[in-house]
Amino acid sequence: EACIEALKRAPDRDTLLAHILDFIGTGFAQTILFVHSHDELRGIDARGANIDREAVRQVRFDSTSPSLFRTAIDRMMPLFGPMPRAQEVDKAFSQALGGIHGNVLVLPIMVEHRIPLVCFAHGTKFSVRNDMLLALSDAISEELMRLFQHSRA
C-alpha cells in the first residue's frame, strides 16, 4: 500500500517509472522496464545487481514472436513463475542476463486497452500473490492515465 500511495504522489511519468522500478526492485535481484511500441520491446531503465542500465537502453526485441513477454501482453495480465526455455526469445533473453533461474515476473502495464510498458523481474525468494500484482498493475495504469490526462490539459 505504501508503494501505491507513492505512485499517486508522482508528479511526472519519469518519477512514476522510477517508483515502479524501485518498488519491484526491492524484492527482486534484477528489474527491467520496457517500452512496448510498434511491436517492439525496448529497454528504458533497470535496477539491480550486476545490471548495466546503459546496456538495457540498447535492448530491443520483437514483441510479436512467441515468448513469455508475448503471453503476458496477449493476456494483459501479470505472469509469475519459472522462466520458460522453449522459445528463442526467452532463451536469448535469459542468456543475455547471464542465465535466469527460478521464478520471474512479467508485469504488463495497460493504459486504454494498450500495453505501453512491460516490467520484467527475476531473482526473488519471496512468494508473489497474484492479487497484489493485479492491484499494483491497476494502480500504475491509473496513475499513468492521470499523468497523461494532466499533461494534455
N, C-alpha and C. Protein backbone atom coordinates (compact mmCIF):
# COMPACT_ATOMS: atom_id res chain seq x y z
N GLU A 1 0.81 -1.20 0.00
CA GLU A 1 0.00 0.00 0.00
C GLU A 1 0.85 1.26 0.00
N ALA A 2 2.00 1.21 0.66
CA ALA A 2 2.90 2.38 0.65
C ALA A 2 3.36 2.67 -0.77
N CYS A 3 3.60 1.63 -1.55
CA CYS A 3 4.02 1.81 -2.94
C CYS A 3 2.93 2.49 -3.74
N ILE A 4 1.70 2.06 -3.57
CA ILE A 4 0.58 2.64 -4.32
C ILE A 4 0.41 4.10 -3.94
N GLU A 5 0.58 4.43 -2.66
CA GLU A 5 0.50 5.84 -2.25
C GLU A 5 1.62 6.66 -2.88
N ALA A 6 2.82 6.09 -2.97
CA ALA A 6 3.94 6.79 -3.61
C ALA A 6 3.65 7.01 -5.09
N LEU A 7 3.02 6.04 -5.74
CA LEU A 7 2.66 6.19 -7.15
C LEU A 7 1.70 7.36 -7.33
N LYS A 8 0.76 7.49 -6.40
CA LYS A 8 -0.25 8.55 -6.51
C LYS A 8 0.34 9.94 -6.29
N ARG A 9 1.50 10.00 -5.66
CA ARG A 9 2.15 11.30 -5.43
C ARG A 9 3.16 11.65 -6.52
N ALA A 10 3.36 10.75 -7.48
CA ALA A 10 4.35 11.01 -8.53
C ALA A 10 3.94 12.22 -9.36
N PRO A 11 4.81 13.22 -9.45
CA PRO A 11 4.45 14.43 -10.19
C PRO A 11 4.57 14.30 -11.70
N ASP A 12 5.32 13.28 -12.16
CA ASP A 12 5.50 13.12 -13.60
C ASP A 12 5.79 11.65 -13.93
N ARG A 13 5.80 11.36 -15.23
CA ARG A 13 5.96 9.99 -15.70
C ARG A 13 7.30 9.40 -15.27
N ASP A 14 8.39 10.15 -15.39
CA ASP A 14 9.70 9.61 -15.05
C ASP A 14 9.79 9.24 -13.57
N THR A 15 9.20 10.06 -12.71
CA THR A 15 9.17 9.74 -11.28
C THR A 15 8.34 8.49 -11.03
N LEU A 16 7.21 8.39 -11.71
CA LEU A 16 6.35 7.20 -11.57
C LEU A 16 7.11 5.95 -11.99
N LEU A 17 7.80 6.00 -13.11
CA LEU A 17 8.55 4.84 -13.58
C LEU A 17 9.68 4.48 -12.60
N ALA A 18 10.33 5.48 -12.04
CA ALA A 18 11.38 5.23 -11.05
C ALA A 18 10.80 4.54 -9.81
N HIS A 19 9.61 4.99 -9.37
CA HIS A 19 8.94 4.34 -8.22
C HIS A 19 8.63 2.88 -8.52
N ILE A 20 8.16 2.60 -9.72
CA ILE A 20 7.84 1.22 -10.10
C ILE A 20 9.09 0.35 -10.00
N LEU A 21 10.18 0.82 -10.62
CA LEU A 21 11.41 0.04 -10.59
C LEU A 21 11.96 -0.11 -9.18
N ASP A 22 11.92 0.96 -8.41
CA ASP A 22 12.43 0.89 -7.04
C ASP A 22 11.62 -0.09 -6.20
N PHE A 23 10.29 -0.03 -6.32
CA PHE A 23 9.45 -0.90 -5.51
C PHE A 23 9.63 -2.36 -5.89
N ILE A 24 9.51 -2.67 -7.17
CA ILE A 24 9.66 -4.06 -7.60
C ILE A 24 11.09 -4.53 -7.35
N GLY A 25 12.04 -3.63 -7.54
CA GLY A 25 13.44 -3.97 -7.33
C GLY A 25 13.80 -4.33 -5.90
N THR A 26 12.97 -3.93 -4.92
CA THR A 26 13.27 -4.32 -3.54
C THR A 26 13.08 -5.81 -3.30
N GLY A 27 12.27 -6.46 -4.13
CA GLY A 27 12.01 -7.89 -3.93
C GLY A 27 12.67 -8.79 -4.94
N PHE A 28 13.37 -8.20 -5.92
CA PHE A 28 13.99 -8.99 -6.99
C PHE A 28 15.43 -8.56 -7.18
N ALA A 29 16.26 -9.50 -7.64
CA ALA A 29 17.68 -9.20 -7.88
C ALA A 29 17.87 -8.23 -9.05
N GLN A 30 17.06 -8.41 -10.10
CA GLN A 30 17.14 -7.54 -11.27
C GLN A 30 15.74 -7.22 -11.76
N THR A 31 15.53 -5.96 -12.13
CA THR A 31 14.24 -5.49 -12.63
C THR A 31 14.51 -4.60 -13.83
N ILE A 32 13.77 -4.86 -14.93
CA ILE A 32 13.96 -4.11 -16.17
C ILE A 32 12.60 -3.60 -16.64
N LEU A 33 12.57 -2.35 -17.05
CA LEU A 33 11.35 -1.76 -17.58
C LEU A 33 11.51 -1.55 -19.08
N PHE A 34 10.51 -2.01 -19.83
CA PHE A 34 10.49 -1.90 -21.28
C PHE A 34 9.34 -1.03 -21.74
N VAL A 35 9.57 -0.25 -22.79
CA VAL A 35 8.51 0.42 -23.52
C VAL A 35 8.05 -0.57 -24.58
N HIS A 36 6.74 -0.69 -24.75
CA HIS A 36 6.18 -1.57 -25.78
C HIS A 36 5.50 -0.69 -26.82
N SER A 37 6.11 -0.63 -28.00
CA SER A 37 5.59 0.24 -29.06
C SER A 37 5.98 -0.33 -30.42
N HIS A 38 5.07 -0.24 -31.38
CA HIS A 38 5.34 -0.69 -32.75
C HIS A 38 5.85 -2.13 -32.78
N ASP A 39 5.20 -3.02 -32.02
CA ASP A 39 5.54 -4.45 -31.97
C ASP A 39 6.98 -4.70 -31.53
N GLU A 40 7.48 -3.83 -30.67
CA GLU A 40 8.85 -3.97 -30.18
C GLU A 40 8.89 -3.66 -28.69
N LEU A 41 9.72 -4.38 -27.96
CA LEU A 41 10.02 -4.06 -26.57
C LEU A 41 11.40 -3.42 -26.56
N ARG A 42 11.49 -2.26 -25.91
CA ARG A 42 12.74 -1.51 -25.86
C ARG A 42 13.05 -1.18 -24.40
N GLY A 43 14.22 -1.59 -23.94
CA GLY A 43 14.61 -1.32 -22.57
C GLY A 43 14.77 0.17 -22.31
N ILE A 44 14.22 0.63 -21.16
CA ILE A 44 14.38 2.05 -20.84
C ILE A 44 15.08 2.29 -19.51
N ASP A 45 14.98 1.36 -18.57
CA ASP A 45 15.66 1.55 -17.29
C ASP A 45 15.69 0.23 -16.54
N ALA A 46 16.49 0.16 -15.51
CA ALA A 46 16.63 -1.09 -14.76
C ALA A 46 17.15 -0.81 -13.35
N ARG A 47 17.00 -1.81 -12.50
CA ARG A 47 17.55 -1.78 -11.15
C ARG A 47 18.13 -3.16 -10.86
N GLY A 48 19.13 -3.19 -10.00
CA GLY A 48 19.62 -4.47 -9.53
C GLY A 48 21.12 -4.65 -9.64
N ALA A 49 21.54 -5.74 -9.04
CA ALA A 49 22.96 -6.09 -9.01
C ALA A 49 23.43 -6.51 -10.40
N ASN A 50 24.64 -6.09 -10.73
CA ASN A 50 25.28 -6.51 -11.98
C ASN A 50 24.45 -6.24 -13.22
N ILE A 51 23.72 -5.13 -13.22
CA ILE A 51 22.94 -4.78 -14.41
C ILE A 51 23.41 -3.41 -14.90
N ASP A 52 23.72 -3.35 -16.17
CA ASP A 52 24.22 -2.14 -16.79
C ASP A 52 23.03 -1.39 -17.40
N ARG A 53 22.64 -0.29 -16.76
CA ARG A 53 21.45 0.45 -17.21
C ARG A 53 21.63 0.97 -18.63
N GLU A 54 22.83 1.34 -18.98
CA GLU A 54 23.07 1.82 -20.35
C GLU A 54 22.90 0.68 -21.36
N ALA A 55 23.37 -0.50 -21.01
CA ALA A 55 23.18 -1.67 -21.90
C ALA A 55 21.70 -2.01 -22.03
N VAL A 56 20.94 -1.85 -20.95
CA VAL A 56 19.50 -2.11 -21.00
C VAL A 56 18.84 -1.19 -22.02
N ARG A 57 19.29 0.05 -22.09
CA ARG A 57 18.71 1.01 -23.04
C ARG A 57 18.99 0.64 -24.50
N GLN A 58 19.93 -0.27 -24.71
CA GLN A 58 20.23 -0.74 -26.07
C GLN A 58 19.41 -1.97 -26.46
N VAL A 59 18.72 -2.58 -25.50
CA VAL A 59 17.97 -3.81 -25.76
C VAL A 59 16.70 -3.50 -26.52
N ARG A 60 16.52 -4.24 -27.62
CA ARG A 60 15.30 -4.15 -28.43
C ARG A 60 15.01 -5.55 -28.95
N PHE A 61 13.75 -5.95 -28.86
CA PHE A 61 13.37 -7.21 -29.48
C PHE A 61 11.90 -7.21 -29.87
N ASP A 62 11.60 -8.05 -30.82
CA ASP A 62 10.26 -8.17 -31.40
C ASP A 62 9.28 -8.70 -30.34
N SER A 63 8.19 -7.98 -30.15
CA SER A 63 7.21 -8.42 -29.16
C SER A 63 6.13 -9.32 -29.75
N THR A 64 6.20 -9.59 -31.06
CA THR A 64 5.19 -10.46 -31.67
C THR A 64 5.63 -11.92 -31.71
N SER A 65 6.93 -12.17 -31.52
CA SER A 65 7.43 -13.54 -31.52
C SER A 65 6.96 -14.27 -30.27
N PRO A 66 6.74 -15.58 -30.37
CA PRO A 66 6.34 -16.35 -29.18
C PRO A 66 7.36 -16.20 -28.06
N SER A 67 6.87 -15.84 -26.88
CA SER A 67 7.74 -15.67 -25.72
C SER A 67 6.88 -15.47 -24.48
N LEU A 68 7.53 -15.48 -23.34
CA LEU A 68 6.86 -15.16 -22.09
C LEU A 68 6.28 -13.74 -22.15
N PHE A 69 7.01 -12.83 -22.76
CA PHE A 69 6.54 -11.44 -22.90
C PHE A 69 5.27 -11.39 -23.75
N ARG A 70 5.28 -12.11 -24.88
CA ARG A 70 4.10 -12.12 -25.76
C ARG A 70 2.89 -12.66 -25.03
N THR A 71 3.07 -13.71 -24.24
CA THR A 71 1.97 -14.30 -23.48
C THR A 71 1.39 -13.29 -22.51
N ALA A 72 2.25 -12.58 -21.78
CA ALA A 72 1.77 -11.58 -20.81
C ALA A 72 1.06 -10.43 -21.52
N ILE A 73 1.58 -10.01 -22.66
CA ILE A 73 0.96 -8.93 -23.42
C ILE A 73 -0.40 -9.37 -23.94
N ASP A 74 -0.47 -10.56 -24.52
CA ASP A 74 -1.73 -11.08 -25.05
C ASP A 74 -2.80 -11.22 -23.96
N ARG A 75 -2.38 -11.72 -22.80
CA ARG A 75 -3.33 -11.93 -21.70
C ARG A 75 -3.66 -10.63 -20.96
N MET A 76 -2.79 -9.62 -21.13
CA MET A 76 -2.92 -8.37 -20.41
C MET A 76 -3.00 -8.62 -18.90
N MET A 77 -2.20 -9.58 -18.46
CA MET A 77 -2.18 -9.99 -17.06
C MET A 77 -0.73 -10.28 -16.64
N PRO A 78 -0.42 -10.02 -15.38
CA PRO A 78 0.92 -10.35 -14.88
C PRO A 78 1.14 -11.86 -14.89
N LEU A 79 2.36 -12.26 -15.12
CA LEU A 79 2.75 -13.66 -15.06
C LEU A 79 3.88 -13.80 -14.05
N PHE A 80 3.78 -14.83 -13.20
CA PHE A 80 4.83 -15.11 -12.24
C PHE A 80 5.03 -16.61 -12.22
N GLY A 81 6.26 -17.04 -12.45
CA GLY A 81 6.57 -18.47 -12.45
C GLY A 81 7.93 -18.71 -13.06
N PRO A 82 8.25 -19.98 -13.30
CA PRO A 82 9.56 -20.32 -13.85
C PRO A 82 9.79 -19.71 -15.24
N MET A 83 11.02 -19.33 -15.52
CA MET A 83 11.38 -18.80 -16.84
C MET A 83 11.32 -19.93 -17.85
N PRO A 84 10.47 -19.78 -18.87
CA PRO A 84 10.41 -20.83 -19.90
C PRO A 84 11.68 -20.84 -20.75
N ARG A 85 11.97 -21.96 -21.35
CA ARG A 85 13.17 -22.10 -22.17
C ARG A 85 12.85 -22.59 -23.59
N ALA A 86 11.58 -22.76 -23.92
CA ALA A 86 11.22 -23.35 -25.21
C ALA A 86 11.37 -22.37 -26.37
N GLN A 87 11.07 -21.11 -26.16
CA GLN A 87 11.08 -20.13 -27.25
C GLN A 87 12.43 -19.45 -27.38
N GLU A 88 12.80 -19.12 -28.61
CA GLU A 88 14.10 -18.49 -28.88
C GLU A 88 14.27 -17.17 -28.13
N VAL A 89 13.22 -16.33 -28.12
CA VAL A 89 13.32 -15.03 -27.42
C VAL A 89 13.62 -15.25 -25.94
N ASP A 90 12.93 -16.19 -25.32
CA ASP A 90 13.13 -16.45 -23.90
C ASP A 90 14.55 -16.97 -23.63
N LYS A 91 15.04 -17.87 -24.47
CA LYS A 91 16.39 -18.39 -24.29
C LYS A 91 17.44 -17.28 -24.44
N ALA A 92 17.29 -16.47 -25.49
CA ALA A 92 18.25 -15.40 -25.74
C ALA A 92 18.22 -14.37 -24.61
N PHE A 93 17.03 -14.03 -24.14
CA PHE A 93 16.90 -13.06 -23.07
C PHE A 93 17.56 -13.58 -21.79
N SER A 94 17.30 -14.83 -21.46
CA SER A 94 17.90 -15.45 -20.27
C SER A 94 19.42 -15.45 -20.37
N GLN A 95 19.94 -15.82 -21.54
CA GLN A 95 21.40 -15.83 -21.73
C GLN A 95 22.00 -14.44 -21.61
N ALA A 96 21.29 -13.44 -22.13
CA ALA A 96 21.80 -12.07 -22.07
C ALA A 96 21.94 -11.58 -20.63
N LEU A 97 21.10 -12.12 -19.74
CA LEU A 97 21.18 -11.75 -18.33
C LEU A 97 22.05 -12.72 -17.52
N GLY A 98 22.79 -13.57 -18.20
CA GLY A 98 23.69 -14.48 -17.52
C GLY A 98 23.04 -15.76 -17.04
N GLY A 99 21.86 -16.05 -17.55
CA GLY A 99 21.14 -17.26 -17.15
C GLY A 99 20.17 -16.96 -16.02
N ILE A 100 18.92 -17.18 -16.28
CA ILE A 100 17.89 -16.89 -15.28
C ILE A 100 17.42 -18.20 -14.67
N HIS A 101 17.45 -18.26 -13.35
CA HIS A 101 16.99 -19.45 -12.64
C HIS A 101 15.90 -19.03 -11.67
N GLY A 102 14.95 -19.90 -11.45
CA GLY A 102 13.88 -19.59 -10.51
C GLY A 102 12.75 -18.84 -11.19
N ASN A 103 11.92 -18.23 -10.37
CA ASN A 103 10.73 -17.55 -10.86
C ASN A 103 11.04 -16.17 -11.42
N VAL A 104 10.22 -15.77 -12.39
CA VAL A 104 10.31 -14.45 -12.98
C VAL A 104 8.93 -13.80 -12.92
N LEU A 105 8.94 -12.49 -13.02
CA LEU A 105 7.71 -11.71 -13.09
C LEU A 105 7.70 -10.94 -14.40
N VAL A 106 6.60 -11.03 -15.12
CA VAL A 106 6.38 -10.17 -16.28
C VAL A 106 5.08 -9.42 -16.00
N LEU A 107 5.21 -8.11 -15.85
CA LEU A 107 4.08 -7.27 -15.46
C LEU A 107 3.76 -6.29 -16.59
N PRO A 108 2.74 -6.64 -17.42
CA PRO A 108 2.33 -5.69 -18.45
C PRO A 108 1.50 -4.57 -17.83
N ILE A 109 1.75 -3.35 -18.26
CA ILE A 109 1.02 -2.19 -17.74
C ILE A 109 0.06 -1.72 -18.84
N MET A 110 -1.23 -1.77 -18.55
CA MET A 110 -2.24 -1.42 -19.55
C MET A 110 -2.72 0.02 -19.35
N VAL A 111 -2.83 0.73 -20.46
CA VAL A 111 -3.41 2.07 -20.48
C VAL A 111 -4.30 2.14 -21.71
N GLU A 112 -5.59 2.37 -21.48
CA GLU A 112 -6.56 2.47 -22.58
C GLU A 112 -6.47 1.30 -23.55
N HIS A 113 -6.51 0.09 -23.04
CA HIS A 113 -6.53 -1.14 -23.84
C HIS A 113 -5.25 -1.37 -24.64
N ARG A 114 -4.19 -0.71 -24.27
CA ARG A 114 -2.87 -0.93 -24.86
C ARG A 114 -1.91 -1.28 -23.74
N ILE A 115 -0.80 -1.89 -24.11
CA ILE A 115 0.26 -2.22 -23.15
C ILE A 115 1.49 -1.39 -23.54
N PRO A 116 1.62 -0.16 -22.99
CA PRO A 116 2.77 0.66 -23.37
C PRO A 116 4.05 0.34 -22.59
N LEU A 117 3.91 -0.37 -21.46
CA LEU A 117 5.06 -0.70 -20.63
C LEU A 117 4.98 -2.15 -20.17
N VAL A 118 6.15 -2.77 -20.06
CA VAL A 118 6.24 -4.12 -19.51
C VAL A 118 7.42 -4.13 -18.54
N CYS A 119 7.15 -4.60 -17.33
CA CYS A 119 8.22 -4.73 -16.33
C CYS A 119 8.58 -6.21 -16.20
N PHE A 120 9.87 -6.49 -16.22
CA PHE A 120 10.39 -7.85 -16.05
C PHE A 120 11.26 -7.86 -14.80
N ALA A 121 11.12 -8.90 -13.98
CA ALA A 121 11.95 -9.02 -12.79
C ALA A 121 12.26 -10.50 -12.52
N HIS A 122 13.42 -10.74 -11.96
CA HIS A 122 13.77 -12.12 -11.57
C HIS A 122 14.70 -12.08 -10.36
N GLY A 123 14.82 -13.25 -9.75
CA GLY A 123 15.71 -13.39 -8.61
C GLY A 123 15.06 -13.00 -7.31
N THR A 124 14.00 -13.71 -6.95
CA THR A 124 13.34 -13.44 -5.67
C THR A 124 13.21 -14.72 -4.87
N LYS A 125 13.21 -14.54 -3.57
CA LYS A 125 12.98 -15.67 -2.66
C LYS A 125 11.57 -15.58 -2.07
N PHE A 126 10.86 -14.52 -2.43
CA PHE A 126 9.52 -14.28 -1.89
C PHE A 126 8.46 -14.95 -2.75
N SER A 127 7.36 -15.29 -2.12
CA SER A 127 6.21 -15.71 -2.91
C SER A 127 5.48 -14.44 -3.35
N VAL A 128 4.89 -14.47 -4.50
CA VAL A 128 4.22 -13.30 -5.05
C VAL A 128 2.75 -13.64 -5.23
N ARG A 129 1.91 -12.82 -4.62
CA ARG A 129 0.46 -13.05 -4.70
C ARG A 129 -0.10 -12.36 -5.93
N ASN A 130 -0.91 -13.11 -6.67
CA ASN A 130 -1.50 -12.58 -7.90
C ASN A 130 -2.37 -11.36 -7.63
N ASP A 131 -3.13 -11.36 -6.52
CA ASP A 131 -4.00 -10.22 -6.23
C ASP A 131 -3.18 -8.95 -6.00
N MET A 132 -1.99 -9.09 -5.41
CA MET A 132 -1.13 -7.92 -5.20
C MET A 132 -0.56 -7.43 -6.54
N LEU A 133 -0.22 -8.36 -7.42
CA LEU A 133 0.27 -7.96 -8.74
C LEU A 133 -0.81 -7.21 -9.51
N LEU A 134 -2.04 -7.70 -9.43
CA LEU A 134 -3.14 -7.04 -10.13
C LEU A 134 -3.40 -5.65 -9.55
N ALA A 135 -3.35 -5.53 -8.22
CA ALA A 135 -3.56 -4.23 -7.58
C ALA A 135 -2.46 -3.25 -7.99
N LEU A 136 -1.22 -3.73 -8.03
CA LEU A 136 -0.10 -2.88 -8.44
C LEU A 136 -0.26 -2.46 -9.90
N SER A 137 -0.57 -3.41 -10.76
CA SER A 137 -0.76 -3.12 -12.18
C SER A 137 -1.88 -2.10 -12.38
N ASP A 138 -2.99 -2.27 -11.69
CA ASP A 138 -4.12 -1.33 -11.80
C ASP A 138 -3.72 0.07 -11.32
N ALA A 139 -2.99 0.14 -10.21
CA ALA A 139 -2.57 1.44 -9.67
C ALA A 139 -1.63 2.15 -10.64
N ILE A 140 -0.70 1.41 -11.23
CA ILE A 140 0.22 2.01 -12.18
C ILE A 140 -0.55 2.53 -13.39
N SER A 141 -1.48 1.73 -13.89
CA SER A 141 -2.29 2.13 -15.04
C SER A 141 -3.07 3.40 -14.75
N GLU A 142 -3.70 3.45 -13.59
CA GLU A 142 -4.48 4.64 -13.21
C GLU A 142 -3.60 5.88 -13.13
N GLU A 143 -2.42 5.73 -12.55
CA GLU A 143 -1.54 6.89 -12.41
C GLU A 143 -0.95 7.33 -13.75
N LEU A 144 -0.66 6.40 -14.63
CA LEU A 144 -0.20 6.78 -15.96
C LEU A 144 -1.30 7.55 -16.69
N MET A 145 -2.54 7.09 -16.57
CA MET A 145 -3.66 7.81 -17.19
C MET A 145 -3.81 9.20 -16.59
N ARG A 146 -3.68 9.31 -15.27
CA ARG A 146 -3.79 10.62 -14.60
C ARG A 146 -2.72 11.57 -15.13
N LEU A 147 -1.50 11.09 -15.21
CA LEU A 147 -0.41 11.94 -15.69
C LEU A 147 -0.59 12.29 -17.16
N PHE A 148 -1.07 11.33 -17.95
CA PHE A 148 -1.31 11.60 -19.37
C PHE A 148 -2.40 12.65 -19.55
N GLN A 149 -3.48 12.53 -18.79
CA GLN A 149 -4.57 13.48 -18.90
C GLN A 149 -4.13 14.85 -18.39
N HIS A 150 -3.33 14.87 -17.33
CA HIS A 150 -2.83 16.12 -16.79
C HIS A 150 -1.94 16.84 -17.79
N SER A 151 -1.12 16.08 -18.51
CA SER A 151 -0.21 16.68 -19.48
C SER A 151 -0.95 17.23 -20.70
N ARG A 152 -2.14 16.69 -20.97
CA ARG A 152 -2.93 17.15 -22.12
C ARG A 152 -3.80 18.35 -21.77
N ALA A 153 -3.98 18.59 -20.47
CA ALA A 153 -4.87 19.69 -20.03
C ALA A 153 -4.21 21.04 -20.17
